[in-house]
Structures are given as C-alpha cells and as structure tokens.
PDB file of N, CA and C in Angstrom:
ATOM      1  N   ILE A   1     -19.599-140.746 -56.248  1.00  0.00           N
ATOM      2  CA  ILE A   1     -19.023-140.736 -54.913  1.00  0.00           C
ATOM      3  C   ILE A   1     -19.020-139.287 -54.427  1.00  0.00           C
ATOM      4  N   GLY A   2     -19.647-139.047 -53.284  1.00  0.00           N
ATOM      5  CA  GLY A   2     -19.727-137.687 -52.760  1.00  0.00           C
ATOM      6  C   GLY A   2     -20.318-137.666 -51.367  1.00  0.00           C
ATOM      7  N   CYS A   3     -21.073-136.619 -51.089  1.00  0.00           N
ATOM      8  CA  CYS A   3     -21.671-136.408 -49.765  1.00  0.00           C
ATOM      9  C   CYS A   3     -23.064-137.020 -49.674  1.00  0.00           C
ATOM     10  N   PRO A   4     -23.520-137.235 -48.445  1.00  0.00           N
ATOM     11  CA  PRO A   4     -24.914-137.663 -48.260  1.00  0.00           C
ATOM     12  C   PRO A   4     -25.861-136.531 -48.641  1.00  0.00           C
ATOM     13  N   ASN A   5     -27.124-136.878 -48.821  1.00  0.00           N
ATOM     14  CA  ASN A   5     -28.138-135.859 -49.072  1.00  0.00           C
ATOM     15  C   ASN A   5     -28.283-134.961 -47.855  1.00  0.00           C
ATOM     16  N   LEU A   6     -28.648-133.718 -48.092  1.00  0.00           N
ATOM     17  CA  LEU A   6     -29.000-132.831 -46.994  1.00  0.00           C
ATOM     18  C   LEU A   6     -30.367-133.237 -46.478  1.00  0.00           C
ATOM     19  N   ALA A   7     -30.557-133.122 -45.186  1.00  0.00           N
ATOM     20  CA  ALA A   7     -31.853-133.469 -44.595  1.00  0.00           C
ATOM     21  C   ALA A   7     -32.908-132.482 -45.073  1.00  0.00           C
ATOM     22  N   GLY A   8     -34.097-132.993 -45.330  1.00  0.00           N
ATOM     23  CA  GLY A   8     -35.191-132.151 -45.798  1.00  0.00           C
ATOM     24  C   GLY A   8     -35.974-131.509 -44.674  1.00  0.00           C
ATOM     25  N   ARG A   9     -35.557-131.753 -43.442  1.00  0.00           N
ATOM     26  CA  ARG A   9     -36.238-131.148 -42.286  1.00  0.00           C
ATOM     27  C   ARG A   9     -35.225-130.918 -41.175  1.00  0.00           C
ATOM     28  N   ALA A  10     -35.637-130.122 -40.226  1.00  0.00           N
ATOM     29  CA  ALA A  10     -34.746-129.783 -39.112  1.00  0.00           C
ATOM     30  C   ALA A  10     -34.616-130.957 -38.146  1.00  0.00           C
ATOM     31  N   TYR A  11     -33.430-131.095 -37.598  1.00  0.00           N
ATOM     32  CA  TYR A  11     -33.219-132.089 -36.553  1.00  0.00           C
ATOM     33  C   TYR A  11     -33.753-131.531 -35.238  1.00  0.00           C
ATOM     34  N   THR A  12     -34.445-132.359 -34.511  1.00  0.00           N
ATOM     35  CA  THR A  12     -34.936-131.991 -33.186  1.00  0.00           C
ATOM     36  C   THR A  12     -34.520-133.079 -32.204  1.00  0.00           C
ATOM     37  N   ARG A  13     -34.704-132.808 -30.949  1.00  0.00           N
ATOM     38  CA  ARG A  13     -34.393-133.812 -29.927  1.00  0.00           C
ATOM     39  C   ARG A  13     -35.200-135.078 -30.165  1.00  0.00           C
ATOM     40  N   GLU A  14     -36.421-134.921 -30.637  1.00  0.00           N
ATOM     41  CA  GLU A  14     -37.308-136.064 -30.842  1.00  0.00           C
ATOM     42  C   GLU A  14     -36.944-136.902 -32.067  1.00  0.00           C
ATOM     43  N   ASN A  15     -36.427-136.273 -33.121  1.00  0.00           N
ATOM     44  CA  ASN A  15     -36.203-137.027 -34.360  1.00  0.00           C
ATOM     45  C   ASN A  15     -34.728-137.233 -34.717  1.00  0.00           C
ATOM     46  N   LEU A  16     -33.816-136.703 -33.925  1.00  0.00           N
ATOM     47  CA  LEU A  16     -32.396-136.721 -34.282  1.00  0.00           C
ATOM     48  C   LEU A  16     -31.876-138.123 -34.587  1.00  0.00           C
ATOM     49  N   GLU A  17     -32.040-139.039 -33.666  1.00  0.00           N
ATOM     50  CA  GLU A  17     -31.489-140.386 -33.846  1.00  0.00           C
ATOM     51  C   GLU A  17     -32.094-141.073 -35.067  1.00  0.00           C
ATOM     52  N   ARG A  18     -33.400-140.961 -35.229  1.00  0.00           N
ATOM     53  CA  ARG A  18     -34.078-141.599 -36.361  1.00  0.00           C
ATOM     54  C   ARG A  18     -33.589-141.026 -37.688  1.00  0.00           C
ATOM     55  N   LEU A  19     -33.485-139.694 -37.781  1.00  0.00           N
ATOM     56  CA  LEU A  19     -33.047-139.075 -39.036  1.00  0.00           C
ATOM     57  C   LEU A  19     -31.583-139.392 -39.350  1.00  0.00           C
ATOM     58  N   LEU A  20     -30.736-139.442 -38.339  1.00  0.00           N
ATOM     59  CA  LEU A  20     -29.336-139.805 -38.576  1.00  0.00           C
ATOM     60  C   LEU A  20     -29.217-141.250 -39.049  1.00  0.00           C
ATOM     61  N   GLU A  21     -29.983-142.144 -38.443  1.00  0.00           N
ATOM     62  CA  GLU A  21     -29.974-143.551 -38.862  1.00  0.00           C
ATOM     63  C   GLU A  21     -30.487-143.691 -40.297  1.00  0.00           C
ATOM     64  N   GLU A  22     -31.580-143.003 -40.624  1.00  0.00           N
ATOM     65  CA  GLU A  22     -32.122-143.052 -41.987  1.00  0.00           C
ATOM     66  C   GLU A  22     -31.111-142.498 -42.987  1.00  0.00           C
ATOM     67  N   GLY A  23     -30.481-141.377 -42.629  1.00  0.00           N
ATOM     68  CA  GLY A  23     -29.497-140.771 -43.521  1.00  0.00           C
ATOM     69  C   GLY A  23     -28.307-141.679 -43.771  1.00  0.00           C
ATOM     70  N   ALA A  24     -27.818-142.322 -42.716  1.00  0.00           N
ATOM     71  CA  ALA A  24     -26.688-143.249 -42.866  1.00  0.00           C
ATOM     72  C   ALA A  24     -27.078-144.424 -43.753  1.00  0.00           C
ATOM     73  N   ARG A  25     -28.247-144.984 -43.531  1.00  0.00           N
ATOM     74  CA  ARG A  25     -28.708-146.130 -44.333  1.00  0.00           C
ATOM     75  C   ARG A  25     -28.865-145.735 -45.803  1.00  0.00           C
ATOM     76  N   ASP A  26     -29.475-144.576 -46.053  1.00  0.00           N
ATOM     77  CA  ASP A  26     -29.660-144.125 -47.434  1.00  0.00           C
ATOM     78  C   ASP A  26     -28.315-143.892 -48.128  1.00  0.00           C
ATOM     79  N   TYR A  27     -27.372-143.306 -47.410  1.00  0.00           N
ATOM     80  CA  TYR A  27     -26.063-142.987 -47.985  1.00  0.00           C
ATOM     81  C   TYR A  27     -25.263-144.248 -48.315  1.00  0.00           C
ATOM     82  N   VAL A  28     -25.215-145.173 -47.388  1.00  0.00           N
ATOM     83  CA  VAL A  28     -24.453-146.408 -47.596  1.00  0.00           C
ATOM     84  C   VAL A  28     -25.006-147.210 -48.767  1.00  0.00           C
ATOM     85  N   ASN A  29     -26.302-147.145 -48.980  1.00  0.00           N
ATOM     86  CA  ASN A  29     -26.936-147.934 -50.032  1.00  0.00           C
ATOM     87  C   ASN A  29     -27.064-147.186 -51.351  1.00  0.00           C
ATOM     88  N   HIS A  30     -26.427-146.036 -51.447  1.00  0.00           N
ATOM     89  CA  HIS A  30     -26.424-145.248 -52.680  1.00  0.00           C
ATOM     90  C   HIS A  30     -24.990-145.210 -53.218  1.00  0.00           C
ATOM     91  N   PRO A  31     -24.813-145.210 -54.536  1.00  0.00           N
ATOM     92  CA  PRO A  31     -23.452-145.178 -55.099  1.00  0.00           C
ATOM     93  C   PRO A  31     -22.611-143.977 -54.663  1.00  0.00           C
ATOM     94  N   ARG A  32     -23.233-142.916 -54.162  1.00  0.00           N
ATOM     95  CA  ARG A  32     -22.437-141.786 -53.663  1.00  0.00           C
ATOM     96  C   ARG A  32     -21.656-142.157 -52.408  1.00  0.00           C
ATOM     97  N   GLY A  33     -22.150-143.129 -51.655  1.00  0.00           N
ATOM     98  CA  GLY A  33     -21.473-143.539 -50.427  1.00  0.00           C
ATOM     99  C   GLY A  33     -20.441-144.621 -50.656  1.00  0.00           C
ATOM    100  N   ALA A  34     -20.861-145.667 -51.361  1.00  0.00           N
ATOM    101  CA  ALA A  34     -19.958-146.790 -51.641  1.00  0.00           C
ATOM    102  C   ALA A  34     -20.442-147.516 -52.883  1.00  0.00           C
ATOM    103  N   ALA A  35     -19.505-148.030 -53.641  1.00  0.00           N
ATOM    104  CA  ALA A  35     -19.841-148.748 -54.873  1.00  0.00           C
ATOM    105  C   ALA A  35     -18.710-149.729 -55.177  1.00  0.00           C
ATOM    106  N   TRP A  36     -18.975-150.615 -56.103  1.00  0.00           N
ATOM    107  CA  TRP A  36     -17.974-151.593 -56.542  1.00  0.00           C
ATOM    108  C   TRP A  36     -17.480-151.217 -57.926  1.00  0.00           C
ATOM    109  N   GLN A  37     -16.174-151.319 -58.116  1.00  0.00           N
ATOM    110  CA  GLN A  37     -15.582-151.063 -59.428  1.00  0.00           C
ATOM    111  C   GLN A  37     -14.459-152.070 -59.635  1.00  0.00           C
ATOM    112  N   ASP A  38     -14.608-152.886 -60.651  1.00  0.00           N
ATOM    113  CA  ASP A  38     -13.609-153.913 -60.971  1.00  0.00           C
ATOM    114  C   ASP A  38     -13.297-154.806 -59.767  1.00  0.00           C
ATOM    115  N   GLY A  39     -14.341-155.163 -59.018  1.00  0.00           N
ATOM    116  CA  GLY A  39     -14.183-156.058 -57.879  1.00  0.00           C
ATOM    117  C   GLY A  39     -13.593-155.426 -56.634  1.00  0.00           C
ATOM    118  N   ARG A  40     -13.387-154.127 -56.672  1.00  0.00           N
ATOM    119  CA  ARG A  40     -12.819-153.416 -55.517  1.00  0.00           C
ATOM    120  C   ARG A  40     -13.849-152.454 -54.949  1.00  0.00           C
ATOM    121  N   LEU A  41     -13.781-152.276 -53.648  1.00  0.00           N
ATOM    122  CA  LEU A  41     -14.672-151.344 -52.973  1.00  0.00           C
ATOM    123  C   LEU A  41     -14.192-149.924 -53.194  1.00  0.00           C
ATOM    124  N   ARG A  42     -15.090-149.098 -53.662  1.00  0.00           N
ATOM    125  CA  ARG A  42     -14.822-147.677 -53.869  1.00  0.00           C
ATOM    126  C   ARG A  42     -15.759-146.927 -52.933  1.00  0.00           C
ATOM    127  N   ALA A  43     -15.225-146.096 -52.063  1.00  0.00           N
ATOM    128  CA  ALA A  43     -16.039-145.384 -51.083  1.00  0.00           C
ATOM    129  C   ALA A  43     -15.731-143.895 -51.129  1.00  0.00           C
ATOM    130  N   SER A  44     -16.671-143.119 -50.643  1.00  0.00           N
ATOM    131  CA  SER A  44     -16.479-141.680 -50.573  1.00  0.00           C
ATOM    132  C   SER A  44     -15.255-141.353 -49.728  1.00  0.00           C
ATOM    133  N   SER A  45     -14.518-140.349 -50.139  1.00  0.00           N
ATOM    134  CA  SER A  45     -13.350-139.909 -49.374  1.00  0.00           C
ATOM    135  C   SER A  45     -13.726-139.434 -47.978  1.00  0.00           C
ATOM    136  N   ILE A  46     -14.989-139.160 -47.749  1.00  0.00           N
ATOM    137  CA  ILE A  46     -15.445-138.790 -46.404  1.00  0.00           C
ATOM    138  C   ILE A  46     -15.033-139.872 -45.407  1.00  0.00           C
ATOM    139  N   TYR A  47     -15.112-141.129 -45.829  1.00  0.00           N
ATOM    140  CA  TYR A  47     -14.724-142.229 -44.945  1.00  0.00           C
ATOM    141  C   TYR A  47     -13.219-142.242 -44.681  1.00  0.00           C
ATOM    142  N   ASP A  48     -12.437-141.726 -45.588  1.00  0.00           N
ATOM    143  CA  ASP A  48     -10.995-141.619 -45.389  1.00  0.00           C
ATOM    144  C   ASP A  48     -10.676-140.406 -44.516  1.00  0.00           C
ATOM    145  N   TRP A  49     -11.257-139.261 -44.858  1.00  0.00           N
ATOM    146  CA  TRP A  49     -10.990-138.031 -44.118  1.00  0.00           C
ATOM    147  C   TRP A  49     -11.386-138.145 -42.645  1.00  0.00           C
ATOM    148  N   TYR A  50     -12.474-138.851 -42.380  1.00  0.00           N
ATOM    149  CA  TYR A  50     -12.997-138.972 -41.009  1.00  0.00           C
ATOM    150  C   TYR A  50     -12.919-140.413 -40.510  1.00  0.00           C
ATOM    151  N   GLN A  51     -11.897-141.137 -40.941  1.00  0.00           N
ATOM    152  CA  GLN A  51     -11.786-142.551 -40.600  1.00  0.00           C
ATOM    153  C   GLN A  51     -11.811-142.791 -39.090  1.00  0.00           C
ATOM    154  N   GLU A  52     -11.282-141.880 -38.301  1.00  0.00           N
ATOM    155  CA  GLU A  52     -11.307-142.034 -36.842  1.00  0.00           C
ATOM    156  C   GLU A  52     -12.738-142.157 -36.318  1.00  0.00           C
ATOM    157  N   ASP A  53     -13.687-141.520 -36.975  1.00  0.00           N
ATOM    158  CA  ASP A  53     -15.094-141.609 -36.564  1.00  0.00           C
ATOM    159  C   ASP A  53     -15.702-142.967 -36.889  1.00  0.00           C
ATOM    160  N   PHE A  54     -15.011-143.753 -37.697  1.00  0.00           N
ATOM    161  CA  PHE A  54     -15.511-145.064 -38.117  1.00  0.00           C
ATOM    162  C   PHE A  54     -14.594-146.182 -37.624  1.00  0.00           C
ATOM    163  N   GLY A  55     -13.935-145.967 -36.502  1.00  0.00           N
ATOM    164  CA  GLY A  55     -13.101-147.001 -35.907  1.00  0.00           C
ATOM    165  C   GLY A  55     -11.617-146.853 -36.161  1.00  0.00           C
ATOM    166  N   GLY A  56     -11.225-145.919 -37.021  1.00  0.00           N
ATOM    167  CA  GLY A  56      -9.814-145.652 -37.252  1.00  0.00           C
ATOM    168  C   GLY A  56      -9.109-146.594 -38.208  1.00  0.00           C
ATOM    169  N   THR A  57      -9.829-147.548 -38.772  1.00  0.00           N
ATOM    170  CA  THR A  57      -9.231-148.501 -39.711  1.00  0.00           C
ATOM    171  C   THR A  57     -10.187-148.727 -40.878  1.00  0.00           C
ATOM    172  N   GLU A  58      -9.657-149.303 -41.952  1.00  0.00           N
ATOM    173  CA  GLU A  58     -10.539-149.645 -43.067  1.00  0.00           C
ATOM    174  C   GLU A  58     -11.526-150.729 -42.655  1.00  0.00           C
ATOM    175  N   ALA A  59     -11.125-151.615 -41.759  1.00  0.00           N
ATOM    176  CA  ALA A  59     -12.061-152.625 -41.256  1.00  0.00           C
ATOM    177  C   ALA A  59     -13.219-151.951 -40.518  1.00  0.00           C
ATOM    178  N   GLY A  60     -12.936-150.861 -39.821  1.00  0.00           N
ATOM    179  CA  GLY A  60     -13.989-150.103 -39.150  1.00  0.00           C
ATOM    180  C   GLY A  60     -14.935-149.457 -40.144  1.00  0.00           C
ATOM    181  N   VAL A  61     -14.380-148.946 -41.244  1.00  0.00           N
ATOM    182  CA  VAL A  61     -15.214-148.364 -42.303  1.00  0.00           C
ATOM    183  C   VAL A  61     -16.120-149.442 -42.892  1.00  0.00           C
ATOM    184  N   VAL A  62     -15.559-150.604 -43.201  1.00  0.00           N
ATOM    185  CA  VAL A  62     -16.362-151.705 -43.746  1.00  0.00           C
ATOM    186  C   VAL A  62     -17.435-152.107 -42.742  1.00  0.00           C
ATOM    187  N   GLY A  63     -17.102-152.143 -41.456  1.00  0.00           N
ATOM    188  CA  GLY A  63     -18.088-152.467 -40.427  1.00  0.00           C
ATOM    189  C   GLY A  63     -19.232-151.476 -40.404  1.00  0.00           C
ATOM    190  N   HIS A  64     -18.921-150.194 -40.536  1.00  0.00           N
ATOM    191  CA  HIS A  64     -19.965-149.164 -40.596  1.00  0.00           C
ATOM    192  C   HIS A  64     -20.847-149.377 -41.823  1.00  0.00           C
ATOM    193  N   LEU A  65     -20.222-149.605 -42.965  1.00  0.00           N
ATOM    194  CA  LEU A  65     -20.989-149.821 -44.189  1.00  0.00           C
ATOM    195  C   LEU A  65     -21.899-151.040 -44.044  1.00  0.00           C
ATOM    196  N   LEU A  66     -21.382-152.104 -43.466  1.00  0.00           N
ATOM    197  CA  LEU A  66     -22.188-153.318 -43.278  1.00  0.00           C
ATOM    198  C   LEU A  66     -23.353-153.092 -42.324  1.00  0.00           C
ATOM    199  N   ARG A  67     -23.133-152.268 -41.319  1.00  0.00           N
ATOM    200  CA  ARG A  67     -24.205-151.999 -40.340  1.00  0.00           C
ATOM    201  C   ARG A  67     -25.453-151.454 -41.023  1.00  0.00           C
ATOM    202  N   TYR A  68     -25.258-150.656 -42.062  1.00  0.00           N
ATOM    203  CA  TYR A  68     -26.389-150.010 -42.731  1.00  0.00           C
ATOM    204  C   TYR A  68     -26.727-150.623 -44.086  1.00  0.00           C
ATOM    205  N   ALA A  69     -25.972-151.608 -44.524  1.00  0.00           N
ATOM    206  CA  ALA A  69     -26.171-152.207 -45.850  1.00  0.00           C
ATOM    207  C   ALA A  69     -27.537-152.865 -45.957  1.00  0.00           C
ATOM    208  N   ARG A  70     -28.252-152.532 -47.019  1.00  0.00           N
ATOM    209  CA  ARG A  70     -29.543-153.147 -47.318  1.00  0.00           C
ATOM    210  C   ARG A  70     -29.621-153.609 -48.773  1.00  0.00           C
ATOM    211  N   SER A  71     -28.896-152.930 -49.651  1.00  0.00           N
ATOM    212  CA  SER A  71     -28.950-153.260 -51.071  1.00  0.00           C
ATOM    213  C   SER A  71     -27.940-154.356 -51.392  1.00  0.00           C
ATOM    214  N   GLU A  72     -28.161-155.043 -52.486  1.00  0.00           N
ATOM    215  CA  GLU A  72     -27.263-156.132 -52.883  1.00  0.00           C
ATOM    216  C   GLU A  72     -25.812-155.675 -53.034  1.00  0.00           C
ATOM    217  N   PRO A  73     -25.540-154.550 -53.713  1.00  0.00           N
ATOM    218  CA  PRO A  73     -24.133-154.145 -53.807  1.00  0.00           C
ATOM    219  C   PRO A  73     -23.499-153.918 -52.431  1.00  0.00           C
ATOM    220  N   ALA A  74     -24.232-153.308 -51.524  1.00  0.00           N
ATOM    221  CA  ALA A  74     -23.680-153.048 -50.191  1.00  0.00           C
ATOM    222  C   ALA A  74     -23.473-154.344 -49.420  1.00  0.00           C
ATOM    223  N   LEU A  75     -24.350-155.299 -49.605  1.00  0.00           N
ATOM    224  CA  LEU A  75     -24.237-156.566 -48.888  1.00  0.00           C
ATOM    225  C   LEU A  75     -23.036-157.393 -49.350  1.00  0.00           C
ATOM    226  N   ARG A  76     -22.479-157.071 -50.511  1.00  0.00           N
ATOM    227  CA  ARG A  76     -21.267-157.759 -50.981  1.00  0.00           C
ATOM    228  C   ARG A  76     -20.081-157.496 -50.057  1.00  0.00           C
ATOM    229  N   LEU A  77     -20.227-156.566 -49.136  1.00  0.00           N
ATOM    230  CA  LEU A  77     -19.154-156.234 -48.207  1.00  0.00           C
ATOM    231  C   LEU A  77     -18.827-157.368 -47.249  1.00  0.00           C
ATOM    232  N   ARG A  78     -19.768-158.269 -47.048  1.00  0.00           N
ATOM    233  CA  ARG A  78     -19.531-159.366 -46.104  1.00  0.00           C
ATOM    234  C   ARG A  78     -18.269-160.121 -46.503  1.00  0.00           C
ATOM    235  N   GLY A  79     -17.325-160.176 -45.599  1.00  0.00           N
ATOM    236  CA  GLY A  79     -16.084-160.894 -45.849  1.00  0.00           C
ATOM    237  C   GLY A  79     -15.055-160.126 -46.662  1.00  0.00           C
ATOM    238  N   TYR A  80     -15.355-158.881 -47.049  1.00  0.00           N
ATOM    239  CA  TYR A  80     -14.400-158.115 -47.852  1.00  0.00           C
ATOM    240  C   TYR A  80     -13.209-157.692 -46.994  1.00  0.00           C
ATOM    241  N   VAL A  81     -12.020-158.022 -47.441  1.00  0.00           N
ATOM    242  CA  VAL A  81     -10.808-157.651 -46.712  1.00  0.00           C
ATOM    243  C   VAL A  81      -9.818-156.886 -47.596  1.00  0.00           C
ATOM    244  N   GLY A  82     -10.221-156.601 -48.806  1.00  0.00           N
ATOM    245  CA  GLY A  82      -9.335-155.881 -49.718  1.00  0.00           C
ATOM    246  C   GLY A  82      -9.238-154.410 -49.362  1.00  0.00           C
ATOM    247  N   PRO A  83      -8.424-153.697 -50.092  1.00  0.00           N
ATOM    248  CA  PRO A  83      -8.282-152.262 -49.841  1.00  0.00           C
ATOM    249  C   PRO A  83      -9.523-151.496 -50.295  1.00  0.00           C
ATOM    250  N   ILE A  84      -9.655-150.297 -49.779  1.00  0.00           N
ATOM    251  CA  ILE A  84     -10.738-149.402 -50.186  1.00  0.00           C
ATOM    252  C   ILE A  84     -10.125-148.307 -51.045  1.00  0.00           C
ATOM    253  N   ASP A  85     -10.708-148.083 -52.210  1.00  0.00           N
ATOM    254  CA  ASP A  85     -10.309-146.966 -53.058  1.00  0.00           C
ATOM    255  C   ASP A  85     -11.227-145.798 -52.720  1.00  0.00           C
ATOM    256  N   TYR A  86     -10.648-144.710 -52.227  1.00  0.00           N
ATOM    257  CA  TYR A  86     -11.451-143.548 -51.857  1.00  0.00           C
ATOM    258  C   TYR A  86     -11.493-142.558 -53.015  1.00  0.00           C
ATOM    259  N   ASP A  87     -12.636-141.923 -53.171  1.00  0.00           N
ATOM    260  CA  ASP A  87     -12.814-140.967 -54.257  1.00  0.00           C
ATOM    261  C   ASP A  87     -13.852-139.945 -53.822  1.00  0.00           C
ATOM    262  N   TYR A  88     -13.846-138.820 -54.491  1.00  0.00           N
ATOM    263  CA  TYR A  88     -14.828-137.774 -54.190  1.00  0.00           C
ATOM    264  C   TYR A  88     -15.097-136.986 -55.459  1.00  0.00           C
ATOM    265  N   ASP A  89     -16.344-136.705 -55.726  1.00  0.00           N
ATOM    266  CA  ASP A  89     -16.749-135.945 -56.912  1.00  0.00           C
ATOM    267  C   ASP A  89     -16.835-134.465 -56.537  1.00  0.00           C
ATOM    268  N   TRP A  90     -15.864-133.695 -56.990  1.00  0.00           N
ATOM    269  CA  TRP A  90     -15.819-132.263 -56.691  1.00  0.00           C
ATOM    270  C   TRP A  90     -16.521-131.423 -57.764  1.00  0.00           C
ATOM    271  N   SER A  91     -17.154-132.033 -58.738  1.00  0.00           N
ATOM    272  CA  SER A  91     -17.685-131.279 -59.879  1.00  0.00           C
ATOM    273  C   SER A  91     -18.723-130.234 -59.486  1.00  0.00           C
ATOM    274  N   LEU A  92     -19.403-130.411 -58.381  1.00  0.00           N
ATOM    275  CA  LEU A  92     -20.371-129.408 -57.931  1.00  0.00           C
ATOM    276  C   LEU A  92     -19.686-128.069 -57.681  1.00  0.00           C
ATOM    277  N   ASN A  93     -18.418-128.100 -57.316  1.00  0.00           N
ATOM    278  CA  ASN A  93     -17.678-126.883 -56.989  1.00  0.00           C
ATOM    279  C   ASN A  93     -17.016-126.238 -58.200  1.00  0.00           C
ATOM    280  N   GLU A  94     -17.114-126.864 -59.358  1.00  0.00           N
ATOM    281  CA  GLU A  94     -16.492-126.311 -60.556  1.00  0.00           C
ATOM    282  C   GLU A  94     -17.387-125.247 -61.179  1.00  0.00           C
ATOM    283  N   PRO A  95     -16.768-124.222 -61.775  1.00  0.00           N
ATOM    284  CA  PRO A  95     -17.573-123.156 -62.412  1.00  0.00           C
ATOM    285  C   PRO A  95     -18.332-123.657 -63.624  1.00  0.00           C
TER     286      PRO A  95
END
C-alpha cells in the first residue's frame, strides 16, 4: 500500500487526460492502491488523506475504485459496504 507510480513522461495538454486515466487505472488495479485482507478492503491512506477529492465518503472512495477496476480483486468491490482499512508503506523513507 503506497503511492502510484511516477509518470515516465511529461504531461502535456495533448496527453494529460489519457495519462491521468491510465495512471488511475494502473494504481487501482495494483496492490499498492487497494487490496483485500481477511475479507476487508485495505486501501492506500492517500484515499483517506484526500477523501474529499473522492466524494468525501468511503462510498465515494469505493466508487472511484470501481470506476477504474479491471482486475478480479478490484472487481470484488461491487456491492462492498464494509469499512475501509487505510494503510501506507513508509519504508521508502526509512534510513
């Protein structure tokens, strides 16, 4: 659980929307964005810290995740109404 990948190229007016959509889809479908643990949804703390950007509720976060879900684990979100466990891997910042 952590941050999305950094883009490998510069954002331009021509590619901005496409690259943001690709980045969101890749992140949601990777365990760094969201994963299942013991039947509960575990998501990056980014979704908690910036919840207002995702509708201001956990239902809004789930809606965002579903919008980009392509992998089987992500598709399990359909109908999920349980709590979200937020987590973040800070190990990159450790000496």
